[in-house]
C-alpha atoms as a PDB file:
ATOM      1  CA  MET A   1      -4.365   9.731  14.617  1.00  0.00           C
ATOM      2  CA  PRO A   2      -3.768   6.595  12.523  1.00  0.00           C
ATOM      3  CA  LEU A   3      -0.600   6.340  10.459  1.00  0.00           C
ATOM      4  CA  ARG A   4      -2.468   5.219   7.330  1.00  0.00           C
ATOM      5  CA  ALA A   5      -1.634   8.472   5.557  1.00  0.00           C
ATOM      6  CA  LYS A   6       2.018   7.499   5.358  1.00  0.00           C
ATOM      7  CA  PHE A   7       1.029   4.729   2.977  1.00  0.00           C
ATOM      8  CA  ALA A   8      -1.031   6.870   0.592  1.00  0.00           C
ATOM      9  CA  VAL A   9       0.385   6.455  -2.893  1.00  0.00           C
ATOM     10  CA  GLY A  10       1.008   8.882  -5.705  1.00  0.00           C
ATOM     11  CA  VAL A  11      -0.859   8.629  -8.973  1.00  0.00           C
ATOM     12  CA  LEU A  12       1.255   5.934 -10.553  1.00  0.00           C
ATOM     13  CA  ALA A  13       2.130   5.602 -14.182  1.00  0.00           C
ATOM     14  CA  LEU A  14       0.355   2.264 -13.963  1.00  0.00           C
ATOM     15  CA  CYS A  15      -2.878   4.175 -13.339  1.00  0.00           C
ATOM     16  CA  MET A  16      -2.443   5.972 -16.614  1.00  0.00           C
ATOM     17  CA  ALA A  17      -1.662   3.120 -18.997  1.00  0.00           C
ATOM     18  CA  ALA A  18      -2.221  -0.602 -19.231  1.00  0.00           C
ATOM     19  CA  PRO A  19       0.722  -2.956 -18.708  1.00  0.00           C
ATOM     20  CA  ALA A  20       2.458  -4.551 -21.663  1.00  0.00           C
ATOM     21  CA  LEU A  21       0.077  -7.440 -22.055  1.00  0.00           C
ATOM     22  CA  ALA A  22       0.164  -9.866 -24.951  1.00  0.00           C
ATOM     23  CA  GLY A  23      -2.917  -9.425 -27.095  1.00  0.00           C
ATOM     24  CA  GLU A  24      -5.704  -6.907 -27.183  1.00  0.00           C
ATOM     25  CA  ASP A  25      -8.052  -9.116 -25.190  1.00  0.00           C
ATOM     26  CA  ALA A  26      -5.916  -8.970 -22.052  1.00  0.00           C
ATOM     27  CA  LYS A  27      -5.294  -5.255 -22.487  1.00  0.00           C
ATOM     28  CA  ALA A  28      -8.984  -4.556 -22.993  1.00  0.00           C
ATOM     29  CA  LEU A  29      -9.859  -6.543 -19.872  1.00  0.00           C
ATOM     30  CA  PHE A  30      -7.248  -4.644 -17.894  1.00  0.00           C
ATOM     31  CA  ASP A  31      -8.498  -1.270 -19.095  1.00  0.00           C
ATOM     32  CA  ARG A  32     -12.110  -2.151 -18.306  1.00  0.00           C
ATOM     33  CA  GLY A  33     -11.207  -3.486 -14.883  1.00  0.00           C
ATOM     34  CA  VAL A  34      -9.162  -0.422 -13.953  1.00  0.00           C
ATOM     35  CA  ALA A  35     -11.898   1.924 -15.161  1.00  0.00           C
ATOM     36  CA  LEU A  36     -14.376   0.189 -12.847  1.00  0.00           C
ATOM     37  CA  VAL A  37     -12.260   0.220  -9.681  1.00  0.00           C
ATOM     38  CA  ASP A  38     -10.238   3.410 -10.134  1.00  0.00           C
ATOM     39  CA  PRO A  39     -12.881   5.864  -8.803  1.00  0.00           C
ATOM     40  CA  TYR A  40     -13.039   3.946  -5.515  1.00  0.00           C
ATOM     41  CA  ILE A  41      -9.379   3.363  -4.649  1.00  0.00           C
ATOM     42  CA  THR A  42      -7.487   5.693  -2.355  1.00  0.00           C
ATOM     43  CA  LEU A  43      -4.720   7.755  -3.920  1.00  0.00           C
ATOM     44  CA  SER A  44      -2.978  10.747  -2.379  1.00  0.00           C
ATOM     45  CA  GLY A  45      -4.346  14.084  -3.426  1.00  0.00           C
ATOM     46  CA  ARG A  46      -7.661  12.655  -4.574  1.00  0.00           C
ATOM     47  CA  SER A  47     -11.017  12.081  -2.931  1.00  0.00           C
ATOM     48  CA  ASP A  48     -12.270   8.632  -3.782  1.00  0.00           C
ATOM     49  CA  ALA A  49     -15.916   7.826  -4.497  1.00  0.00           C
ATOM     50  CA  ASP A  50     -17.871   5.868  -1.903  1.00  0.00           C
ATOM     51  CA  PRO A  51     -16.876   2.186  -2.206  1.00  0.00           C
ATOM     52  CA  LYS A  52     -19.653   1.173   0.197  1.00  0.00           C
ATOM     53  CA  SER A  53     -22.446   2.473  -2.014  1.00  0.00           C
ATOM     54  CA  VAL A  54     -24.430   0.009  -4.116  1.00  0.00           C
ATOM     55  CA  GLN A  55     -22.760   1.268  -7.268  1.00  0.00           C
ATOM     56  CA  GLY A  56     -19.366   1.170  -5.588  1.00  0.00           C
ATOM     57  CA  ARG A  57     -19.721  -2.430  -4.410  1.00  0.00           C
ATOM     58  CA  GLN A  58     -20.930  -3.539  -7.826  1.00  0.00           C
ATOM     59  CA  SER A  59     -18.199  -1.709  -9.717  1.00  0.00           C
ATOM     60  CA  ILE A  60     -15.470  -3.051  -7.446  1.00  0.00           C
ATOM     61  CA  ALA A  61     -16.729  -6.629  -7.739  1.00  0.00           C
ATOM     62  CA  ARG A  62     -16.954  -6.427 -11.536  1.00  0.00           C
ATOM     63  CA  GLY A  63     -13.574  -4.729 -11.811  1.00  0.00           C
ATOM     64  CA  ILE A  64     -11.861  -7.322  -9.636  1.00  0.00           C
ATOM     65  CA  ALA A  65     -13.403 -10.124 -11.677  1.00  0.00           C
ATOM     66  CA  LEU A  66     -12.036  -8.620 -14.900  1.00  0.00           C
ATOM     67  CA  LEU A  67      -8.586  -8.057 -13.417  1.00  0.00           C
ATOM     68  CA  GLU A  68      -8.512 -11.621 -12.115  1.00  0.00           C
ATOM     69  CA  GLN A  69      -9.111 -12.785 -15.670  1.00  0.00           C
ATOM     70  CA  VAL A  70      -6.059 -10.791 -16.708  1.00  0.00           C
ATOM     71  CA  THR A  71      -3.912 -12.462 -14.038  1.00  0.00           C
ATOM     72  CA  ARG A  72      -4.980 -15.876 -15.315  1.00  0.00           C
ATOM     73  CA  MET A  73      -3.913 -14.848 -18.815  1.00  0.00           C
ATOM     74  CA  ARG A  74      -0.779 -13.062 -17.636  1.00  0.00           C
ATOM     75  CA  PRO A  75       0.422 -14.215 -14.203  1.00  0.00           C
ATOM     76  CA  ASP A  76       3.254 -11.669 -14.434  1.00  0.00           C
ATOM     77  CA  SER A  77       0.878  -8.689 -14.565  1.00  0.00           C
ATOM     78  CA  TRP A  78       1.866  -7.085 -11.279  1.00  0.00           C
ATOM     79  CA  GLN A  79      -0.228  -4.018 -12.185  1.00  0.00           C
ATOM     80  CA  SER A  80      -3.367  -6.171 -12.210  1.00  0.00           C
ATOM     81  CA  PHE A  81      -2.547  -7.629  -8.796  1.00  0.00           C
ATOM     82  CA  TRP A  82      -1.899  -4.099  -7.495  1.00  0.00           C
ATOM     83  CA  PHE A  83      -5.287  -2.852  -8.654  1.00  0.00           C
ATOM     84  CA  ILE A  84      -7.001  -5.954  -7.238  1.00  0.00           C
ATOM     85  CA  GLY A  85      -5.303  -5.200  -3.937  1.00  0.00           C
ATOM     86  CA  LYS A  86      -6.334  -1.547  -3.964  1.00  0.00           C
ATOM     87  CA  ALA A  87      -9.904  -2.452  -4.907  1.00  0.00           C
ATOM     88  CA  SER A  88     -10.072  -5.067  -2.155  1.00  0.00           C
ATOM     89  CA  GLN A  89      -8.681  -2.489   0.251  1.00  0.00           C
ATOM     90  CA  ALA A  90     -11.427  -0.062  -0.746  1.00  0.00           C
ATOM     91  CA  ALA A  91     -14.004  -2.791  -0.157  1.00  0.00           C
ATOM     92  CA  GLY A  92     -12.618  -3.373   3.346  1.00  0.00           C
ATOM     93  CA  ASP A  93     -11.364  -6.889   2.606  1.00  0.00           C
ATOM     94  CA  SER A  94      -7.917  -6.871   4.195  1.00  0.00           C
ATOM     95  CA  ALA A  95      -7.275 -10.571   3.618  1.00  0.00           C
ATOM     96  CA  ALA A  96      -7.897 -10.293  -0.130  1.00  0.00           C
ATOM     97  CA  ALA A  97      -5.922  -7.045  -0.307  1.00  0.00           C
ATOM     98  CA  TYR A  98      -2.953  -8.668   1.415  1.00  0.00           C
ATOM     99  CA  ASP A  99      -3.074 -11.681  -0.893  1.00  0.00           C
ATOM    100  CA  ALA A 100      -3.128  -9.521  -4.034  1.00  0.00           C
ATOM    101  CA  MET A 101      -0.448  -7.112  -2.819  1.00  0.00           C
ATOM    102  CA  LYS A 102       1.783 -10.010  -1.853  1.00  0.00           C
ATOM    103  CA  LYS A 103       1.583 -11.299  -5.433  1.00  0.00           C
ATOM    104  CA  ALA A 104       2.330  -7.851  -6.838  1.00  0.00           C
ATOM    105  CA  TYR A 105       5.233  -7.506  -4.413  1.00  0.00           C
ATOM    106  CA  ALA A 106       6.672 -10.887  -5.400  1.00  0.00           C
ATOM    107  CA  LEU A 107       6.861  -9.598  -8.976  1.00  0.00           C
ATOM    108  CA  GLN A 108       8.075  -6.054  -8.210  1.00  0.00           C
ATOM    109  CA  PRO A 109       9.609  -5.892  -4.708  1.00  0.00           C
ATOM    110  CA  ASP A 110      11.544  -2.670  -5.326  1.00  0.00           C
ATOM    111  CA  GLN A 111       8.674  -0.720  -6.899  1.00  0.00           C
ATOM    112  CA  ARG A 112       7.920   1.968  -4.323  1.00  0.00           C
ATOM    113  CA  ASP A 113       4.130   1.973  -4.459  1.00  0.00           C
ATOM    114  CA  VAL A 114       3.858  -1.802  -4.623  1.00  0.00           C
ATOM    115  CA  ALA A 115       6.098  -2.161  -1.578  1.00  0.00           C
ATOM    116  CA  ARG A 116       4.250   0.595   0.327  1.00  0.00           C
ATOM    117  CA  GLU A 117       0.905  -1.094  -0.129  1.00  0.00           C
ATOM    118  CA  PHE A 118       2.243  -4.567   0.662  1.00  0.00           C
ATOM    119  CA  VAL A 119       3.796  -3.233   3.882  1.00  0.00           C
ATOM    120  CA  PHE A 120       0.511  -1.604   4.845  1.00  0.00           C
ATOM    121  CA  GLU A 121      -1.521  -4.748   4.211  1.00  0.00           C
ATOM    122  CA  ALA A 122       1.024  -6.887   6.054  1.00  0.00           C
ATOM    123  CA  LEU A 123       0.614  -4.581   9.057  1.00  0.00           C
ATOM    124  CA  CYS A 124      -3.157  -4.580   8.709  1.00  0.00           C
ATOM    125  CA  THR A 125      -3.205  -8.375   8.851  1.00  0.00           C
ATOM    126  CA  ALA A 126      -0.793  -8.601  11.826  1.00  0.00           C
ATOM    127  CA  ARG A 127       2.250  -9.700   9.821  1.00  0.00           C
ATOM    128  CA  SER A 128       4.706  -7.174  11.201  1.00  0.00           C
ATOM    129  CA  GLY A 129       7.742  -9.349  10.449  1.00  0.00           C
ATOM    130  CA  GLU A 130       6.874  -9.448   6.754  1.00  0.00           C
ATOM    131  CA  ALA A 131       6.232  -5.710   6.833  1.00  0.00           C
ATOM    132  CA  VAL A 132       9.677  -5.009   8.311  1.00  0.00           C
ATOM    133  CA  THR A 133      11.442  -7.193   5.742  1.00  0.00           C
ATOM    134  CA  ALA A 134       9.674  -5.579   2.791  1.00  0.00           C
ATOM    135  CA  ALA A 135       9.977  -2.034   4.145  1.00  0.00           C
ATOM    136  CA  ARG A 136      13.674  -2.473   4.831  1.00  0.00           C
ATOM    137  CA  ARG A 137      14.328  -3.773   1.326  1.00  0.00           C
ATOM    138  CA  VAL A 138      12.529  -1.001  -0.533  1.00  0.00           C
ATOM    139  CA  SER A 139      13.995   1.682   1.724  1.00  0.00           C
ATOM    140  CA  ALA A 140      17.481   0.353   0.997  1.00  0.00           C
ATOM    141  CA  ALA A 141      16.696   0.456  -2.725  1.00  0.00           C
ATOM    142  CA  HIS A 142      15.593   4.121  -2.436  1.00  0.00           C
ATOM    143  CA  PRO A 143      17.691   5.530   0.436  1.00  0.00           C
ATOM    144  CA  ASP A 144      16.744   9.165  -0.195  1.00  0.00           C
ATOM    145  CA  ASP A 145      12.996   8.561   0.048  1.00  0.00           C
ATOM    146  CA  ALA A 146      11.854   9.946   3.396  1.00  0.00           C
ATOM    147  CA  GLY A 147       8.419   8.356   3.087  1.00  0.00           C
ATOM    148  CA  LEU A 148       9.861   4.875   2.681  1.00  0.00           C
ATOM    149  CA  SER A 149      12.131   5.466   5.658  1.00  0.00           C
ATOM    150  CA  ALA A 150       9.125   6.535   7.737  1.00  0.00           C
ATOM    151  CA  ASN A 151       7.194   3.478   6.587  1.00  0.00           C
ATOM    152  CA  LEU A 152      10.059   1.285   7.785  1.00  0.00           C
ATOM    153  CA  ALA A 153       9.871   3.032  11.149  1.00  0.00           C
ATOM    154  CA  VAL A 154       6.133   2.288  11.286  1.00  0.00           C
ATOM    155  CA  ALA A 155       6.781  -1.396  10.552  1.00  0.00           C
ATOM    156  CA  LEU A 156       9.515  -1.552  13.192  1.00  0.00           C
ATOM    157  CA  LEU A 157       7.180   0.057  15.711  1.00  0.00           C
ATOM    158  CA  ALA A 158       4.489  -2.503  14.930  1.00  0.00           C
ATOM    159  CA  ASP A 159       7.080  -5.239  15.406  1.00  0.00           C
ATOM    160  CA  ARG A 160       8.005  -3.693  18.786  1.00  0.00           C
ATOM    161  CA  GLN A 161      11.572  -2.960  17.672  1.00  0.00           C
ATOM    162  CA  LEU A 162      11.468   0.400  19.416  1.00  0.00           C
ATOM    163  CA  ASP A 163      15.165   1.297  19.274  1.00  0.00           C
ATOM    164  CA  ALA A 164      15.323   0.573  15.549  1.00  0.00           C
ATOM    165  CA  ALA A 165      12.025   2.409  15.012  1.00  0.00           C
ATOM    166  CA  GLU A 166      13.393   5.507  16.755  1.00  0.00           C
ATOM    167  CA  GLN A 167      16.566   5.427  14.680  1.00  0.00           C
ATOM    168  CA  GLU A 168      14.638   5.081  11.427  1.00  0.00           C
ATOM    169  CA  ALA A 169      12.145   7.815  12.343  1.00  0.00           C
ATOM    170  CA  ALA A 170      15.086  10.112  13.093  1.00  0.00           C
ATOM    171  CA  ARG A 171      16.586   9.311   9.699  1.00  0.00           C
ATOM    172  CA  ALA A 172      13.251  10.062   8.006  1.00  0.00           C
ATOM    173  CA  LEU A 173      13.112  13.409   9.801  1.00  0.00           C
ATOM    174  CA  ARG A 174      16.620  14.255   8.620  1.00  0.00           C
ATOM    175  CA  LEU A 175      15.470  13.580   5.069  1.00  0.00           C
ATOM    176  CA  ALA A 176      12.221  15.564   5.473  1.00  0.00           C
ATOM    177  CA  PRO A 177      12.437  17.775   8.592  1.00  0.00           C
ATOM    178  CA  GLY A 178       9.092  19.464   8.042  1.00  0.00           C
ATOM    179  CA  ASP A 179       6.976  16.362   7.498  1.00  0.00           C
ATOM    180  CA  PRO A 180       4.163  16.400  10.105  1.00  0.00           C
ATOM    181  CA  ILE A 181       3.324  12.713   9.740  1.00  0.00           C
ATOM    182  CA  THR A 182       6.886  11.685  10.532  1.00  0.00           C
ATOM    183  CA  ARG A 183       6.907  14.023  13.520  1.00  0.00           C
ATOM    184  CA  HIS A 184       3.728  12.352  14.712  1.00  0.00           C
ATOM    185  CA  LEU A 185       5.381   8.972  14.229  1.00  0.00           C
ATOM    186  CA  ALA A 186       8.346   9.974  16.408  1.00  0.00           C
ATOM    187  CA  GLN A 187       5.905  10.971  19.135  1.00  0.00           C
ATOM    188  CA  ALA A 188       3.974   7.725  18.723  1.00  0.00           C
ATOM    189  CA  ILE A 189       7.160   5.733  19.314  1.00  0.00           C
ATOM    190  CA  ALA A 190       7.841   7.730  22.473  1.00  0.00           C
ATOM    191  CA  ASP A 191       4.254   7.142  23.614  1.00  0.00           C
ATOM    192  CA  VAL A 192       4.600   3.370  23.178  1.00  0.00           C
ATOM    193  CA  ARG A 193       7.751   3.486  25.290  1.00  0.00           C
ATOM    194  CA  ASP A 194       5.673   5.197  27.969  1.00  0.00           C
ATOM    195  CA  GLY A 195       3.133   2.370  27.911  1.00  0.00           C
ATOM    196  CA  LYS A 196       0.504   3.847  25.644  1.00  0.00           C
ATOM    197  CA  PRO A 197      -1.117   1.653  22.969  1.00  0.00           C
ATOM    198  CA  PRO A 198       0.448   1.683  19.492  1.00  0.00           C
ATOM    199  CA  PRO A 199      -1.194   3.591  16.653  1.00  0.00           C
ATOM    200  CA  GLU A 200      -3.949   2.112  14.541  1.00  0.00           C
ATOM    201  CA  TYR A 201      -2.585   0.796  11.250  1.00  0.00           C
ATOM    202  CA  CYS A 202      -5.731  -0.156   9.391  1.00  0.00           C
ATOM    203  CA  ALA A 203      -7.849   2.992   9.442  1.00  0.00           C
ATOM    204  CA  GLN A 204      -9.630   3.250   6.080  1.00  0.00           C
END
């Protein structure tokens, strides 16, 4: 079972309203871009439309193009970079998703959902060191968030820091004892110690 589910995000406030962009043109572009990509991005508690369909591919490409225009007008629009990253993720383009999430993360490193997605894309592109650094920072900023603690354990496991991964998984379980994904993670760490291959991080 892949650990992708631990990185599923909630329906963010940024999904509900455009960022504070200067001028109606940028806001209109943002709104149009989000409307095009939103049905295809993965959010927890929601079934996304098929991003591999003809309509899905076209909508994602058009939406990304509009959101990229916004980032040229407003380079500080971390919401636009986040949606570009999620849309690229839906399209199966890990390199583009990582690049966009890294830009969003540079602007908002302590925003939970930005950090979650950047950590995931760093893992998916074999940058476990970056994933650990980002996961550790956001977990420290939100010490009572069991999901962020579990995500740090995932990053530590990917970086083969097994002792630290075990300690962090145990902390996540103390915060959320009934969470099945974290229980699976603790078992995955034990399995790696026993010589089994690590979990898959990039299951879409």
